[in-house]
Amino acid sequence: MLSPHEFATLMLVRQAPDQLDMNRAELDALLERQLVMLEHCGEGARRAYLTGKGKTFLDALQPCDAPRGRNTTGNAVGPDPAMSLAPGGRAKEIEDPGRAG
């Protein structure tokens, strides 16, 4: 089982590998579990990337290409365009002045 820090590091490798601190202890744990690998770039630089096992692990939790909003009709993806967040965090309908009723 991964610790919260190891899980966060694994997500960071997927989303923003260039922002990863290569000296993180969590990275060693992910390497041991074969969830990430290191690619050696020029002049001693290294870059982490997900292995197949790491991708499968993250995809089981949430695929990176899964829609993040509501699917309201047909193949629509994303939040309902007629809804917006009102002050106080409650959703309300957006009124279209060109549309009566």
Protein backbone atom coordinates (compact mmCIF):
# COMPACT_ATOMS: atom_id res chain seq x y z
CA MET A 1 0.00 0.00 0.00
CA LEU A 2 1.27 3.46 -0.87
CA SER A 3 1.54 6.25 1.65
CA PRO A 4 -0.28 9.51 0.82
CA HIS A 5 3.09 11.09 -0.05
CA GLU A 6 4.03 8.21 -2.36
CA PHE A 7 0.64 8.39 -4.05
CA ALA A 8 0.98 12.16 -4.51
CA THR A 9 4.47 11.66 -5.96
CA LEU A 10 3.12 9.05 -8.37
CA MET A 11 0.44 11.49 -9.55
CA LEU A 12 3.10 14.19 -9.93
CA VAL A 13 5.18 11.88 -12.11
CA ARG A 14 2.14 11.45 -14.35
CA GLN A 15 1.07 15.10 -14.50
CA ALA A 16 4.25 17.17 -14.11
CA PRO A 17 7.43 15.08 -14.11
CA ASP A 18 9.60 18.14 -14.71
CA GLN A 19 8.47 19.64 -11.38
CA LEU A 20 9.47 16.59 -9.37
CA ASP A 21 12.28 16.82 -6.81
CA MET A 22 14.45 13.86 -7.76
CA ASN A 23 15.75 13.53 -4.19
CA ARG A 24 12.36 12.66 -2.66
CA ALA A 25 12.37 9.55 -0.49
CA GLU A 26 8.97 8.64 -1.94
CA LEU A 27 10.55 8.30 -5.35
CA ASP A 28 12.79 5.52 -4.04
CA ALA A 29 9.75 3.64 -2.75
CA LEU A 30 8.03 3.99 -6.14
CA LEU A 31 11.18 2.74 -7.89
CA GLU A 32 11.30 -0.30 -5.59
CA ARG A 33 7.66 -1.09 -6.38
CA GLN A 34 8.43 -0.67 -10.11
CA LEU A 35 5.75 2.01 -10.52
CA VAL A 36 8.23 4.52 -11.96
CA MET A 37 11.51 4.38 -13.84
CA LEU A 38 14.26 6.94 -14.29
CA GLU A 39 15.47 8.16 -17.63
CA HIS A 40 18.97 9.59 -17.70
CA CYS A 41 19.09 12.76 -19.77
CA GLY A 42 22.15 14.72 -20.77
CA GLU A 43 24.67 16.06 -18.25
CA GLY A 44 23.56 13.90 -15.32
CA ALA A 45 19.93 15.05 -15.34
CA ARG A 46 17.28 12.45 -14.64
CA ARG A 47 13.57 12.33 -15.37
CA ALA A 48 10.98 10.03 -13.82
CA TYR A 49 8.26 8.38 -15.88
CA LEU A 50 5.50 5.90 -15.13
CA THR A 51 5.94 2.22 -15.91
CA GLY A 52 3.07 0.16 -17.26
CA LYS A 53 2.40 -0.98 -13.71
CA GLY A 54 2.29 2.64 -12.50
CA LYS A 55 -0.10 3.66 -15.30
CA THR A 56 -2.36 0.71 -14.54
CA PHE A 57 -2.37 1.63 -10.85
CA LEU A 58 -3.38 5.25 -11.50
CA ASP A 59 -5.85 4.33 -14.26
CA ALA A 60 -7.62 1.98 -11.86
CA LEU A 61 -8.26 4.94 -9.59
CA GLN A 62 -9.07 7.52 -12.27
CA PRO A 63 -8.12 7.38 -15.93
CA CYS A 64 -6.35 10.54 -17.04
CA ASP A 65 -8.71 10.93 -20.00
CA ALA A 66 -11.91 10.50 -17.97
CA PRO A 67 -14.34 13.41 -18.07
CA ARG A 68 -14.20 15.49 -14.92
CA GLY A 69 -17.57 17.21 -15.28
CA ARG A 70 -21.13 15.97 -15.63
CA ASN A 71 -22.23 14.24 -18.79
CA THR A 72 -25.63 15.84 -19.35
CA THR A 73 -26.64 14.86 -22.90
CA GLY A 74 -25.29 12.52 -25.52
CA ASN A 75 -21.51 12.77 -25.83
CA ALA A 76 -21.24 16.15 -24.07
CA VAL A 77 -18.29 16.36 -21.73
CA GLY A 78 -17.73 18.82 -18.91
CA PRO A 79 -19.97 20.88 -16.69
CA ASP A 80 -23.44 21.92 -17.79
CA PRO A 81 -22.99 25.30 -19.54
CA ALA A 82 -26.29 26.50 -18.07
CA MET A 83 -24.91 26.15 -14.54
CA SER A 84 -22.45 28.35 -12.70
CA LEU A 85 -21.26 28.57 -9.14
CA ALA A 86 -23.03 31.30 -7.23
CA PRO A 87 -21.44 33.06 -4.25
CA GLY A 88 -21.63 30.70 -1.30
CA GLY A 89 -20.77 27.68 -3.43
CA ARG A 90 -24.30 26.80 -4.60
CA ALA A 91 -25.00 26.23 -8.28
CA LYS A 92 -27.55 28.40 -10.05
CA GLU A 93 -28.79 28.65 -13.61
CA ILE A 94 -27.34 31.35 -15.80
CA GLU A 95 -30.07 33.44 -17.32
CA ASP A 96 -29.76 34.17 -21.03
CA PRO A 97 -31.29 37.60 -21.72
CA GLY A 98 -31.89 36.67 -25.37
CA ARG A 99 -33.95 33.66 -24.37
CA ALA A 100 -37.40 34.14 -22.90
CA GLY A 101 -39.02 31.80 -20.53
